[in-house]
Amino acid sequence: SGTAITLAEGILQHLSRKRGWVNTHAEGDLLGIESVREGDVPGIHEVR
């Protein structure tokens, strides 16, 4: 989602150990963003 990308950009701007994001599970120097599409969910965003 656009919201998730904005959150990811906020993290990458301040967390030097991450150089980019990918739309899947990731470790190392990539930030993983898991996208789930189900039912009629208006929107849930979680940073862990």
PDB file of all heavy atoms in Angstrom:
ATOM      1  N   SER A   1       0.832  -1.195   0.000  1.00  0.00           N
ATOM      2  CA  SER A   1       0.000   0.000   0.000  1.00  0.00           C
ATOM      3  C   SER A   1       0.873   1.254   0.000  1.00  0.00           C
ATOM      4  O   SER A   1       2.039   1.226   0.415  1.00  0.00           O
ATOM      5  CB  SER A   1      -0.899   0.020   1.234  1.00  0.00           C
ATOM      6  OG  SER A   1      -0.121   0.194   2.409  1.00  0.00           O
ATOM      7  N   GLY A   2       0.285   2.356  -0.447  1.00  0.00           N
ATOM      8  CA  GLY A   2       1.014   3.622  -0.401  1.00  0.00           C
ATOM      9  C   GLY A   2       1.392   4.001   1.014  1.00  0.00           C
ATOM     10  O   GLY A   2       2.470   4.565   1.260  1.00  0.00           O
ATOM     11  N   THR A   3       0.523   3.684   1.957  1.00  0.00           N
ATOM     12  CA  THR A   3       0.817   3.960   3.365  1.00  0.00           C
ATOM     13  C   THR A   3       2.025   3.162   3.838  1.00  0.00           C
ATOM     14  O   THR A   3       2.901   3.688   4.538  1.00  0.00           O
ATOM     15  CB  THR A   3      -0.411   3.621   4.233  1.00  0.00           C
ATOM     16  OG1 THR A   3      -1.518   4.397   3.794  1.00  0.00           O
ATOM     17  CG2 THR A   3      -0.138   3.885   5.699  1.00  0.00           C
ATOM     18  N   ALA A   4       2.087   1.893   3.440  1.00  0.00           N
ATOM     19  CA  ALA A   4       3.222   1.056   3.821  1.00  0.00           C
ATOM     20  C   ALA A   4       4.525   1.585   3.229  1.00  0.00           C
ATOM     21  O   ALA A   4       5.572   1.580   3.889  1.00  0.00           O
ATOM     22  CB  ALA A   4       2.981  -0.385   3.370  1.00  0.00           C
ATOM     23  N   ILE A   5       4.461   2.058   1.993  1.00  0.00           N
ATOM     24  CA  ILE A   5       5.656   2.620   1.360  1.00  0.00           C
ATOM     25  C   ILE A   5       6.118   3.866   2.105  1.00  0.00           C
ATOM     26  O   ILE A   5       7.313   4.070   2.340  1.00  0.00           O
ATOM     27  CB  ILE A   5       5.385   2.923  -0.119  1.00  0.00           C
ATOM     28  CG1 ILE A   5       5.195   1.609  -0.901  1.00  0.00           C
ATOM     29  CG2 ILE A   5       6.539   3.729  -0.727  1.00  0.00           C
ATOM     30  CD1 ILE A   5       4.772   1.807  -2.342  1.00  0.00           C
ATOM     31  N   THR A   6       5.173   4.722   2.499  1.00  0.00           N
ATOM     32  CA  THR A   6       5.532   5.919   3.268  1.00  0.00           C
ATOM     33  C   THR A   6       6.170   5.539   4.598  1.00  0.00           C
ATOM     34  O   THR A   6       7.163   6.149   5.023  1.00  0.00           O
ATOM     35  CB  THR A   6       4.289   6.790   3.509  1.00  0.00           C
ATOM     36  OG1 THR A   6       3.724   7.173   2.250  1.00  0.00           O
ATOM     37  CG2 THR A   6       4.645   8.043   4.292  1.00  0.00           C
ATOM     38  N   LEU A   7       5.613   4.533   5.271  1.00  0.00           N
ATOM     39  CA  LEU A   7       6.218   4.059   6.518  1.00  0.00           C
ATOM     40  C   LEU A   7       7.621   3.521   6.271  1.00  0.00           C
ATOM     41  O   LEU A   7       8.556   3.806   7.041  1.00  0.00           O
ATOM     42  CB  LEU A   7       5.340   2.969   7.139  1.00  0.00           C
ATOM     43  CG  LEU A   7       4.034   3.427   7.782  1.00  0.00           C
ATOM     44  CD1 LEU A   7       3.136   2.231   8.067  1.00  0.00           C
ATOM     45  CD2 LEU A   7       4.295   4.218   9.058  1.00  0.00           C
ATOM     46  N   ALA A   8       7.782   2.741   5.198  1.00  0.00           N
ATOM     47  CA  ALA A   8       9.092   2.185   4.875  1.00  0.00           C
ATOM     48  C   ALA A   8      10.100   3.293   4.596  1.00  0.00           C
ATOM     49  O   ALA A   8      11.256   3.228   5.047  1.00  0.00           O
ATOM     50  CB  ALA A   8       8.980   1.257   3.664  1.00  0.00           C
ATOM     51  N   GLU A   9       9.678   4.318   3.872  1.00  0.00           N
ATOM     52  CA  GLU A   9      10.581   5.438   3.581  1.00  0.00           C
ATOM     53  C   GLU A   9      10.997   6.151   4.861  1.00  0.00           C
ATOM     54  O   GLU A   9      12.147   6.595   4.987  1.00  0.00           O
ATOM     55  CB  GLU A   9       9.903   6.403   2.618  1.00  0.00           C
ATOM     56  CG  GLU A   9       9.753   5.838   1.199  1.00  0.00           C
ATOM     57  CD  GLU A   9       8.907   6.726   0.303  1.00  0.00           C
ATOM     58  OE1 GLU A   9       8.203   7.615   0.836  1.00  0.00           O
ATOM     59  OE2 GLU A   9       8.936   6.529  -0.928  1.00  0.00           O
ATOM     60  N   GLY A  10      10.077   6.257   5.822  1.00  0.00           N
ATOM     61  CA  GLY A  10      10.409   6.874   7.104  1.00  0.00           C
ATOM     62  C   GLY A  10      11.440   6.071   7.865  1.00  0.00           C
ATOM     63  O   GLY A  10      12.306   6.635   8.553  1.00  0.00           O
ATOM     64  N   ILE A  11      11.357   4.755   7.751  1.00  0.00           N
ATOM     65  CA  ILE A  11      12.344   3.893   8.408  1.00  0.00           C
ATOM     66  C   ILE A  11      13.697   3.994   7.715  1.00  0.00           C
ATOM     67  O   ILE A  11      14.739   4.167   8.359  1.00  0.00           O
ATOM     68  CB  ILE A  11      11.847   2.429   8.411  1.00  0.00           C
ATOM     69  CG1 ILE A  11      10.605   2.299   9.302  1.00  0.00           C
ATOM     70  CG2 ILE A  11      12.950   1.480   8.876  1.00  0.00           C
ATOM     71  CD1 ILE A  11       9.888   0.963   9.174  1.00  0.00           C
ATOM     72  N   LEU A  12      13.691   3.898   6.384  1.00  0.00           N
ATOM     73  CA  LEU A  12      14.947   3.910   5.628  1.00  0.00           C
ATOM     74  C   LEU A  12      15.699   5.225   5.775  1.00  0.00           C
ATOM     75  O   LEU A  12      16.938   5.252   5.720  1.00  0.00           O
ATOM     76  CB  LEU A  12      14.651   3.647   4.147  1.00  0.00           C
ATOM     77  CG  LEU A  12      14.074   2.273   3.812  1.00  0.00           C
ATOM     78  CD1 LEU A  12      13.683   2.200   2.346  1.00  0.00           C
ATOM     79  CD2 LEU A  12      15.075   1.178   4.160  1.00  0.00           C
ATOM     80  N   GLN A  13      14.969   6.296   5.987  1.00  0.00           N
ATOM     81  CA  GLN A  13      15.599   7.601   6.151  1.00  0.00           C
ATOM     82  C   GLN A  13      16.439   7.683   7.420  1.00  0.00           C
ATOM     83  O   GLN A  13      17.420   8.425   7.482  1.00  0.00           O
ATOM     84  CB  GLN A  13      14.519   8.690   6.169  1.00  0.00           C
ATOM     85  CG  GLN A  13      15.068  10.112   6.226  1.00  0.00           C
ATOM     86  CD  GLN A  13      13.972  11.151   6.191  1.00  0.00           C
ATOM     87  OE1 GLN A  13      12.795  10.840   6.043  1.00  0.00           O
ATOM     88  NE2 GLN A  13      14.355  12.409   6.347  1.00  0.00           N
ATOM     89  N   HIS A  14      16.087   6.878   8.429  1.00  0.00           N
ATOM     90  CA  HIS A  14      16.745   7.004   9.735  1.00  0.00           C
ATOM     91  C   HIS A  14      17.462   5.730  10.195  1.00  0.00           C
ATOM     92  O   HIS A  14      18.180   5.784  11.197  1.00  0.00           O
ATOM     93  CB  HIS A  14      15.699   7.394  10.780  1.00  0.00           C
ATOM     94  CG  HIS A  14      15.027   8.696  10.499  1.00  0.00           C
ATOM     95  ND1 HIS A  14      15.663   9.912  10.607  1.00  0.00           N
ATOM     96  CD2 HIS A  14      13.760   8.977  10.096  1.00  0.00           C
ATOM     97  CE1 HIS A  14      14.839  10.887  10.290  1.00  0.00           C
ATOM     98  NE2 HIS A  14      13.670  10.348   9.984  1.00  0.00           N
ATOM     99  N   LEU A  15      17.265   4.626   9.496  1.00  0.00           N
ATOM    100  CA  LEU A  15      17.863   3.357   9.924  1.00  0.00           C
ATOM    101  C   LEU A  15      18.910   2.941   8.888  1.00  0.00           C
ATOM    102  O   LEU A  15      18.571   2.373   7.852  1.00  0.00           O
ATOM    103  CB  LEU A  15      16.767   2.300  10.066  1.00  0.00           C
ATOM    104  CG  LEU A  15      17.016   1.155  11.055  1.00  0.00           C
ATOM    105  CD1 LEU A  15      17.119   1.687  12.481  1.00  0.00           C
ATOM    106  CD2 LEU A  15      15.903   0.123  10.966  1.00  0.00           C
ATOM    107  N   SER A  16      20.168   3.217   9.167  1.00  0.00           N
ATOM    108  CA  SER A  16      21.227   3.040   8.163  1.00  0.00           C
ATOM    109  C   SER A  16      21.478   1.576   7.812  1.00  0.00           C
ATOM    110  O   SER A  16      22.047   1.290   6.758  1.00  0.00           O
ATOM    111  CB  SER A  16      22.522   3.685   8.661  1.00  0.00           C
ATOM    112  OG  SER A  16      22.983   3.073   9.852  1.00  0.00           O
ATOM    113  N   ARG A  17      21.076   0.648   8.671  1.00  0.00           N
ATOM    114  CA  ARG A  17      21.331  -0.759   8.378  1.00  0.00           C
ATOM    115  C   ARG A  17      20.388  -1.337   7.324  1.00  0.00           C
ATOM    116  O   ARG A  17      20.544  -2.489   6.912  1.00  0.00           O
ATOM    117  CB  ARG A  17      21.278  -1.599   9.656  1.00  0.00           C
ATOM    118  CG  ARG A  17      19.969  -1.570  10.433  1.00  0.00           C
ATOM    119  CD  ARG A  17      20.142  -2.398  11.710  1.00  0.00           C
ATOM    120  NE  ARG A  17      18.964  -2.415  12.576  1.00  0.00           N
ATOM    121  CZ  ARG A  17      18.746  -1.563  13.560  1.00  0.00           C
ATOM    122  NH1 ARG A  17      19.617  -0.578  13.779  1.00  0.00           N
ATOM    123  NH2 ARG A  17      17.671  -1.663  14.329  1.00  0.00           N
ATOM    124  N   LYS A  18      19.420  -0.540   6.873  1.00  0.00           N
ATOM    125  CA  LYS A  18      18.522  -0.962   5.801  1.00  0.00           C
ATOM    126  C   LYS A  18      18.731  -0.070   4.583  1.00  0.00           C
ATOM    127  O   LYS A  18      18.722   1.154   4.688  1.00  0.00           O
ATOM    128  CB  LYS A  18      17.052  -0.884   6.254  1.00  0.00           C
ATOM    129  CG  LYS A  18      16.707  -1.801   7.427  1.00  0.00           C
ATOM    130  CD  LYS A  18      16.829  -3.267   7.050  1.00  0.00           C
ATOM    131  CE  LYS A  18      16.473  -4.179   8.211  1.00  0.00           C
ATOM    132  NZ  LYS A  18      16.590  -5.608   7.879  1.00  0.00           N
ATOM    133  N   ARG A  19      18.942  -0.689   3.422  1.00  0.00           N
ATOM    134  CA  ARG A  19      19.218   0.087   2.206  1.00  0.00           C
ATOM    135  C   ARG A  19      18.023   0.155   1.260  1.00  0.00           C
ATOM    136  O   ARG A  19      18.050   0.871   0.254  1.00  0.00           O
ATOM    137  CB  ARG A  19      20.399  -0.521   1.449  1.00  0.00           C
ATOM    138  CG  ARG A  19      20.164  -1.929   0.925  1.00  0.00           C
ATOM    139  CD  ARG A  19      21.342  -2.422   0.084  1.00  0.00           C
ATOM    140  NE  ARG A  19      21.151  -3.803  -0.360  1.00  0.00           N
ATOM    141  CZ  ARG A  19      20.446  -4.157  -1.426  1.00  0.00           C
ATOM    142  NH1 ARG A  19      19.858  -3.224  -2.167  1.00  0.00           N
ATOM    143  NH2 ARG A  19      20.335  -5.429  -1.762  1.00  0.00           N
ATOM    144  N   GLY A  20      16.982  -0.575   1.538  1.00  0.00           N
ATOM    145  CA  GLY A  20      15.812  -0.574   0.673  1.00  0.00           C
ATOM    146  C   GLY A  20      14.755  -1.517   1.211  1.00  0.00           C
ATOM    147  O   GLY A  20      14.961  -2.190   2.225  1.00  0.00           O
ATOM    148  N   TRP A  21      13.578  -1.550   0.521  1.00  0.00           N
ATOM    149  CA  TRP A  21      12.514  -2.444   0.954  1.00  0.00           C
ATOM    150  C   TRP A  21      12.131  -3.393  -0.180  1.00  0.00           C
ATOM    151  O   TRP A  21      12.351  -3.098  -1.356  1.00  0.00           O
ATOM    152  CB  TRP A  21      11.281  -1.666   1.430  1.00  0.00           C
ATOM    153  CG  TRP A  21      10.640  -0.760   0.394  1.00  0.00           C
ATOM    154  CD1 TRP A  21      10.855   0.582   0.221  1.00  0.00           C
ATOM    155  CD2 TRP A  21       9.675  -1.140  -0.591  1.00  0.00           C
ATOM    156  NE1 TRP A  21      10.095   1.066  -0.810  1.00  0.00           N
ATOM    157  CE2 TRP A  21       9.358   0.036  -1.329  1.00  0.00           C
ATOM    158  CE3 TRP A  21       9.047  -2.334  -0.938  1.00  0.00           C
ATOM    159  CZ2 TRP A  21       8.447   0.039  -2.389  1.00  0.00           C
ATOM    160  CZ3 TRP A  21       8.145  -2.342  -1.993  1.00  0.00           C
ATOM    161  CH2 TRP A  21       7.850  -1.171  -2.711  1.00  0.00           C
ATOM    162  N   VAL A  22      11.561  -4.526   0.191  1.00  0.00           N
ATOM    163  CA  VAL A  22      11.032  -5.488  -0.775  1.00  0.00           C
ATOM    164  C   VAL A  22       9.661  -5.935  -0.284  1.00  0.00           C
ATOM    165  O   VAL A  22       9.384  -5.958   0.916  1.00  0.00           O
ATOM    166  CB  VAL A  22      11.951  -6.715  -0.945  1.00  0.00           C
ATOM    167  CG1 VAL A  22      13.231  -6.335  -1.671  1.00  0.00           C
ATOM    168  CG2 VAL A  22      12.261  -7.352   0.404  1.00  0.00           C
ATOM    169  N   ASN A  23       8.806  -6.295  -1.215  1.00  0.00           N
ATOM    170  CA  ASN A  23       7.441  -6.682  -0.880  1.00  0.00           C
ATOM    171  C   ASN A  23       7.355  -8.179  -0.591  1.00  0.00           C
ATOM    172  O   ASN A  23       6.627  -8.933  -1.232  1.00  0.00           O
ATOM    173  CB  ASN A  23       6.501  -6.295  -2.023  1.00  0.00           C
ATOM    174  CG  ASN A  23       5.035  -6.369  -1.635  1.00  0.00           C
ATOM    175  OD1 ASN A  23       4.168  -6.531  -2.488  1.00  0.00           O
ATOM    176  ND2 ASN A  23       4.723  -6.256  -0.345  1.00  0.00           N
ATOM    177  N   THR A  24       8.116  -8.595   0.400  1.00  0.00           N
ATOM    178  CA  THR A  24       8.137  -9.982   0.837  1.00  0.00           C
ATOM    179  C   THR A  24       8.894 -10.036   2.156  1.00  0.00           C
ATOM    180  O   THR A  24       9.390  -9.016   2.640  1.00  0.00           O
ATOM    181  CB  THR A  24       8.833 -10.892  -0.202  1.00  0.00           C
ATOM    182  OG1 THR A  24       8.747 -12.258   0.225  1.00  0.00           O
ATOM    183  CG2 THR A  24      10.288 -10.520  -0.373  1.00  0.00           C
ATOM    184  N   HIS A  25       8.982 -11.203   2.756  1.00  0.00           N
ATOM    185  CA  HIS A  25       9.787 -11.349   3.972  1.00  0.00           C
ATOM    186  C   HIS A  25      11.254 -11.128   3.624  1.00  0.00           C
ATOM    187  O   HIS A  25      11.739 -11.581   2.597  1.00  0.00           O
ATOM    188  CB  HIS A  25       9.593 -12.738   4.563  1.00  0.00           C
ATOM    189  CG  HIS A  25      10.483 -13.003   5.748  1.00  0.00           C
ATOM    190  ND1 HIS A  25      10.252 -12.463   6.992  1.00  0.00           N
ATOM    191  CD2 HIS A  25      11.634 -13.734   5.849  1.00  0.00           C
ATOM    192  CE1 HIS A  25      11.192 -12.855   7.824  1.00  0.00           C
ATOM    193  NE2 HIS A  25      12.038 -13.628   7.161  1.00  0.00           N
ATOM    194  N   ALA A  26      11.974 -10.401   4.462  1.00  0.00           N
ATOM    195  CA  ALA A  26      13.382 -10.136   4.195  1.00  0.00           C
ATOM    196  C   ALA A  26      14.127  -9.917   5.492  1.00  0.00           C
ATOM    197  O   ALA A  26      13.545  -9.545   6.510  1.00  0.00           O
ATOM    198  CB  ALA A  26      13.539  -8.910   3.297  1.00  0.00           C
ATOM    199  N   GLU A  27      15.429 -10.141   5.437  1.00  0.00           N
ATOM    200  CA  GLU A  27      16.322  -9.849   6.545  1.00  0.00           C
ATOM    201  C   GLU A  27      17.577  -9.209   5.964  1.00  0.00           C
ATOM    202  O   GLU A  27      17.626  -8.885   4.781  1.00  0.00           O
ATOM    203  CB  GLU A  27      16.653 -11.125   7.335  1.00  0.00           C
ATOM    204  CG  GLU A  27      15.448 -11.729   8.046  1.00  0.00           C
ATOM    205  CD  GLU A  27      15.792 -12.974   8.833  1.00  0.00           C
ATOM    206  OE1 GLU A  27      16.932 -13.445   8.708  1.00  0.00           O
ATOM    207  OE2 GLU A  27      14.925 -13.469   9.570  1.00  0.00           O
ATOM    208  N   GLY A  28      18.594  -9.029   6.779  1.00  0.00           N
ATOM    209  CA  GLY A  28      19.805  -8.398   6.290  1.00  0.00           C
ATOM    210  C   GLY A  28      19.583  -6.919   6.081  1.00  0.00           C
ATOM    211  O   GLY A  28      19.007  -6.236   6.927  1.00  0.00           O
ATOM    212  N   ASP A  29      20.033  -6.400   4.923  1.00  0.00           N
ATOM    213  CA  ASP A  29      19.949  -4.957   4.698  1.00  0.00           C
ATOM    214  C   ASP A  29      18.696  -4.533   3.936  1.00  0.00           C
ATOM    215  O   ASP A  29      18.598  -3.390   3.494  1.00  0.00           O
ATOM    216  CB  ASP A  29      21.201  -4.450   3.977  1.00  0.00           C
ATOM    217  CG  ASP A  29      21.387  -5.071   2.598  1.00  0.00           C
ATOM    218  OD1 ASP A  29      20.579  -5.949   2.214  1.00  0.00           O
ATOM    219  OD2 ASP A  29      22.340  -4.671   1.909  1.00  0.00           O
ATOM    220  N   LEU A  30      17.731  -5.431   3.796  1.00  0.00           N
ATOM    221  CA  LEU A  30      16.465  -5.096   3.157  1.00  0.00           C
ATOM    222  C   LEU A  30      15.321  -5.163   4.161  1.00  0.00           C
ATOM    223  O   LEU A  30      15.268  -6.063   5.000  1.00  0.00           O
ATOM    224  CB  LEU A  30      16.176  -6.041   1.986  1.00  0.00           C
ATOM    225  CG  LEU A  30      17.066  -5.894   0.753  1.00  0.00           C
ATOM    226  CD1 LEU A  30      16.720  -6.958  -0.271  1.00  0.00           C
ATOM    227  CD2 LEU A  30      16.944  -4.501   0.149  1.00  0.00           C
ATOM    228  N   LEU A  31      14.424  -4.203   4.068  1.00  0.00           N
ATOM    229  CA  LEU A  31      13.238  -4.149   4.921  1.00  0.00           C
ATOM    230  C   LEU A  31      12.110  -4.904   4.232  1.00  0.00           C
ATOM    231  O   LEU A  31      11.702  -4.552   3.130  1.00  0.00           O
ATOM    232  CB  LEU A  31      12.837  -2.685   5.154  1.00  0.00           C
ATOM    233  CG  LEU A  31      11.470  -2.412   5.789  1.00  0.00           C
ATOM    234  CD1 LEU A  31      11.383  -3.032   7.180  1.00  0.00           C
ATOM    235  CD2 LEU A  31      11.218  -0.907   5.850  1.00  0.00           C
ATOM    236  N   GLY A  32      11.596  -5.926   4.885  1.00  0.00           N
ATOM    237  CA  GLY A  32      10.520  -6.709   4.307  1.00  0.00           C
ATOM    238  C   GLY A  32       9.149  -6.140   4.627  1.00  0.00           C
ATOM    239  O   GLY A  32       8.870  -5.769   5.765  1.00  0.00           O
ATOM    240  N   ILE A  33       8.296  -6.046   3.601  1.00  0.00           N
ATOM    241  CA  ILE A  33       6.910  -5.613   3.770  1.00  0.00           C
ATOM    242  C   ILE A  33       6.004  -6.743   3.292  1.00  0.00           C
ATOM    243  O   ILE A  33       5.996  -7.093   2.113  1.00  0.00           O
ATOM    244  CB  ILE A  33       6.589  -4.346   2.955  1.00  0.00           C
ATOM    245  CG1 ILE A  33       7.572  -3.223   3.265  1.00  0.00           C
ATOM    246  CG2 ILE A  33       5.156  -3.901   3.227  1.00  0.00           C
ATOM    247  CD1 ILE A  33       7.388  -1.985   2.391  1.00  0.00           C
ATOM    248  N   GLU A  34       5.263  -7.322   4.213  1.00  0.00           N
ATOM    249  CA  GLU A  34       4.318  -8.377   3.860  1.00  0.00           C
ATOM    250  C   GLU A  34       2.963  -7.740   3.537  1.00  0.00           C
ATOM    251  O   GLU A  34       2.425  -6.980   4.332  1.00  0.00           O
ATOM    252  CB  GLU A  34       4.152  -9.364   5.011  1.00  0.00           C
ATOM    253  CG  GLU A  34       3.163 -10.478   4.706  1.00  0.00           C
ATOM    254  CD  GLU A  34       2.856 -11.351   5.915  1.00  0.00           C
ATOM    255  OE1 GLU A  34       3.335 -11.025   7.021  1.00  0.00           O
ATOM    256  OE2 GLU A  34       2.132 -12.349   5.748  1.00  0.00           O
ATOM    257  N   SER A  35       2.414  -8.052   2.371  1.00  0.00           N
ATOM    258  CA  SER A  35       1.108  -7.539   1.962  1.00  0.00           C
ATOM    259  C   SER A  35       0.097  -8.676   1.966  1.00  0.00           C
ATOM    260  O   SER A  35       0.319  -9.719   1.355  1.00  0.00           O
ATOM    261  CB  SER A  35       1.175  -6.928   0.559  1.00  0.00           C
ATOM    262  OG  SER A  35       2.002  -5.785   0.541  1.00  0.00           O
ATOM    263  N   VAL A  36      -1.004  -8.460   2.667  1.00  0.00           N
ATOM    264  CA  VAL A  36      -2.078  -9.453   2.752  1.00  0.00           C
ATOM    265  C   VAL A  36      -3.350  -8.814   2.211  1.00  0.00           C
ATOM    266  O   VAL A  36      -3.680  -7.683   2.549  1.00  0.00           O
ATOM    267  CB  VAL A  36      -2.297  -9.910   4.217  1.00  0.00           C
ATOM    268  CG1 VAL A  36      -3.440 -10.912   4.293  1.00  0.00           C
ATOM    269  CG2 VAL A  36      -1.008 -10.493   4.788  1.00  0.00           C
ATOM    270  N   ARG A  37      -4.082  -9.543   1.373  1.00  0.00           N
ATOM    271  CA  ARG A  37      -5.356  -9.072   0.834  1.00  0.00           C
ATOM    272  C   ARG A  37      -6.444 -10.064   1.234  1.00  0.00           C
ATOM    273  O   ARG A  37      -6.421 -11.223   0.789  1.00  0.00           O
ATOM    274  CB  ARG A  37      -5.281  -8.949  -0.697  1.00  0.00           C
ATOM    275  CG  ARG A  37      -4.235  -7.941  -1.178  1.00  0.00           C
ATOM    276  CD  ARG A  37      -4.649  -6.521  -0.842  1.00  0.00           C
ATOM    277  NE  ARG A  37      -3.648  -5.527  -1.193  1.00  0.00           N
ATOM    278  CZ  ARG A  37      -2.763  -5.047  -0.334  1.00  0.00           C
ATOM    279  NH1 ARG A  37      -2.738  -5.477   0.925  1.00  0.00           N
ATOM    280  NH2 ARG A  37      -1.886  -4.134  -0.708  1.00  0.00           N
ATOM    281  N   GLU A  38      -7.372  -9.591   2.066  1.00  0.00           N
ATOM    282  CA  GLU A  38      -8.410 -10.492   2.546  1.00  0.00           C
ATOM    283  C   GLU A  38      -9.673  -9.720   2.905  1.00  0.00           C
ATOM    284  O   GLU A  38      -9.625  -8.596   3.414  1.00  0.00           O
ATOM    285  CB  GLU A  38      -7.921 -11.290   3.762  1.00  0.00           C
ATOM    286  CG  GLU A  38      -7.561 -10.444   4.967  1.00  0.00           C
ATOM    287  CD  GLU A  38      -6.999 -11.254   6.126  1.00  0.00           C
ATOM    288  OE1 GLU A  38      -6.403 -12.314   5.872  1.00  0.00           O
ATOM    289  OE2 GLU A  38      -7.154 -10.828   7.289  1.00  0.00           O
ATOM    290  N   GLY A  39     -10.811 -10.300   2.630  1.00  0.00           N
ATOM    291  CA  GLY A  39     -12.098  -9.768   3.047  1.00  0.00           C
ATOM    292  C   GLY A  39     -12.323  -8.322   2.653  1.00  0.00           C
ATOM    293  O   GLY A  39     -12.014  -7.890   1.548  1.00  0.00           O
ATOM    294  N   ASP A  40     -12.867  -7.554   3.603  1.00  0.00           N
ATOM    295  CA  ASP A  40     -13.184  -6.144   3.372  1.00  0.00           C
ATOM    296  C   ASP A  40     -12.430  -5.264   4.366  1.00  0.00           C
ATOM    297  O   ASP A  40     -12.947  -4.254   4.834  1.00  0.00           O
ATOM    298  CB  ASP A  40     -14.702  -5.924   3.494  1.00  0.00           C
ATOM    299  CG  ASP A  40     -15.142  -4.592   2.919  1.00  0.00           C
ATOM    300  OD1 ASP A  40     -14.556  -4.169   1.897  1.00  0.00           O
ATOM    301  OD2 ASP A  40     -16.047  -3.953   3.485  1.00  0.00           O
ATOM    302  N   VAL A  41     -11.206  -5.631   4.680  1.00  0.00           N
ATOM    303  CA  VAL A  41     -10.396  -4.918   5.671  1.00  0.00           C
ATOM    304  C   VAL A  41     -10.066  -3.518   5.154  1.00  0.00           C
ATOM    305  O   VAL A  41      -9.433  -3.376   4.098  1.00  0.00           O
ATOM    306  CB  VAL A  41      -9.094  -5.679   5.959  1.00  0.00           C
ATOM    307  CG1 VAL A  41      -8.246  -4.913   6.978  1.00  0.00           C
ATOM    308  CG2 VAL A  41      -9.394  -7.088   6.456  1.00  0.00           C
ATOM    309  N   PRO A  42     -10.448  -2.453   5.873  1.00  0.00           N
ATOM    310  CA  PRO A  42     -10.157  -1.084   5.411  1.00  0.00           C
ATOM    311  C   PRO A  42      -8.666  -0.761   5.394  1.00  0.00           C
ATOM    312  O   PRO A  42      -8.202   0.005   4.565  1.00  0.00           O
ATOM    313  CB  PRO A  42     -10.889  -0.196   6.428  1.00  0.00           C
ATOM    314  CG  PRO A  42     -11.896  -1.081   7.073  1.00  0.00           C
ATOM    315  CD  PRO A  42     -11.289  -2.455   7.074  1.00  0.00           C
ATOM    316  N   GLY A  43      -7.925  -1.333   6.353  1.00  0.00           N
ATOM    317  CA  GLY A  43      -6.490  -1.087   6.366  1.00  0.00           C
ATOM    318  C   GLY A  43      -5.872  -1.310   7.736  1.00  0.00           C
ATOM    319  O   GLY A  43      -6.326  -0.749   8.729  1.00  0.00           O
ATOM    320  N   ILE A  44      -4.856  -2.153   7.786  1.00  0.00           N
ATOM    321  CA  ILE A  44      -4.075  -2.386   9.002  1.00  0.00           C
ATOM    322  C   ILE A  44      -2.605  -2.256   8.622  1.00  0.00           C
ATOM    323  O   ILE A  44      -2.155  -2.851   7.632  1.00  0.00           O
ATOM    324  CB  ILE A  44      -4.334  -3.783   9.596  1.00  0.00           C
ATOM    325  CG1 ILE A  44      -5.811  -3.943   9.984  1.00  0.00           C
ATOM    326  CG2 ILE A  44      -3.434  -4.029  10.799  1.00  0.00           C
ATOM    327  CD1 ILE A  44      -6.184  -5.359  10.407  1.00  0.00           C
ATOM    328  N   HIS A  45      -1.852  -1.470   9.382  1.00  0.00           N
ATOM    329  CA  HIS A  45      -0.419  -1.312   9.142  1.00  0.00           C
ATOM    330  C   HIS A  45       0.331  -1.537  10.439  1.00  0.00           C
ATOM    331  O   HIS A  45      -0.053  -1.007  11.477  1.00  0.00           O
ATOM    332  CB  HIS A  45      -0.114   0.081   8.588  1.00  0.00           C
ATOM    333  CG  HIS A  45      -0.665   0.300   7.217  1.00  0.00           C
ATOM    334  ND1 HIS A  45      -1.953   0.747   7.007  1.00  0.00           N
ATOM    335  CD2 HIS A  45      -0.115   0.092   5.999  1.00  0.00           C
ATOM    336  CE1 HIS A  45      -2.174   0.820   5.696  1.00  0.00           C
ATOM    337  NE2 HIS A  45      -1.077   0.441   5.072  1.00  0.00           N
ATOM    338  N   GLU A  46       1.386  -2.323  10.350  1.00  0.00           N
ATOM    339  CA  GLU A  46       2.121  -2.721  11.547  1.00  0.00           C
ATOM    340  C   GLU A  46       3.620  -2.665  11.277  1.00  0.00           C
ATOM    341  O   GLU A  46       4.105  -3.177  10.260  1.00  0.00           O
ATOM    342  CB  GLU A  46       1.703  -4.136  11.940  1.00  0.00           C
ATOM    343  CG  GLU A  46       2.208  -4.602  13.277  1.00  0.00           C
ATOM    344  CD  GLU A  46       1.583  -5.942  13.669  1.00  0.00           C
ATOM    345  OE1 GLU A  46       0.466  -5.948  14.204  1.00  0.00           O
ATOM    346  OE2 GLU A  46       2.225  -6.975  13.408  1.00  0.00           O
ATOM    347  N   VAL A  47       4.343  -2.033  12.179  1.00  0.00           N
ATOM    348  CA  VAL A  47       5.807  -2.004  12.148  1.00  0.00           C
ATOM    349  C   VAL A  47       6.297  -2.754  13.377  1.00  0.00           C
ATOM    350  O   VAL A  47       5.861  -2.481  14.496  1.00  0.00           O
ATOM    351  CB  VAL A  47       6.348  -0.555  12.157  1.00  0.00           C
ATOM    352  CG1 VAL A  47       7.874  -0.556  12.177  1.00  0.00           C
ATOM    353  CG2 VAL A  47       5.824   0.224  10.958  1.00  0.00           C
ATOM    354  N   ARG A  48       7.225  -3.697  13.162  1.00  0.00           N
ATOM    355  CA  ARG A  48       7.672  -4.571  14.243  1.00  0.00           C
ATOM    356  C   ARG A  48       9.196  -4.484  14.393  1.00  0.00           C
ATOM    357  O   ARG A  48       9.930  -4.581  13.411  1.00  0.00           O
ATOM    358  CB  ARG A  48       7.293  -6.028  13.939  1.00  0.00           C
ATOM    359  CG  ARG A  48       5.812  -6.253  13.756  1.00  0.00           C
ATOM    360  CD  ARG A  48       5.540  -7.593  13.067  1.00  0.00           C
ATOM    361  NE  ARG A  48       6.089  -8.726  13.793  1.00  0.00           N
ATOM    362  CZ  ARG A  48       5.405  -9.438  14.687  1.00  0.00           C
ATOM    363  NH1 ARG A  48       4.139  -9.126  14.958  1.00  0.00           N
ATOM    364  NH2 ARG A  48       5.955 -10.450  15.307  1.00  0.00           N
TER     365      ARG A  48
END
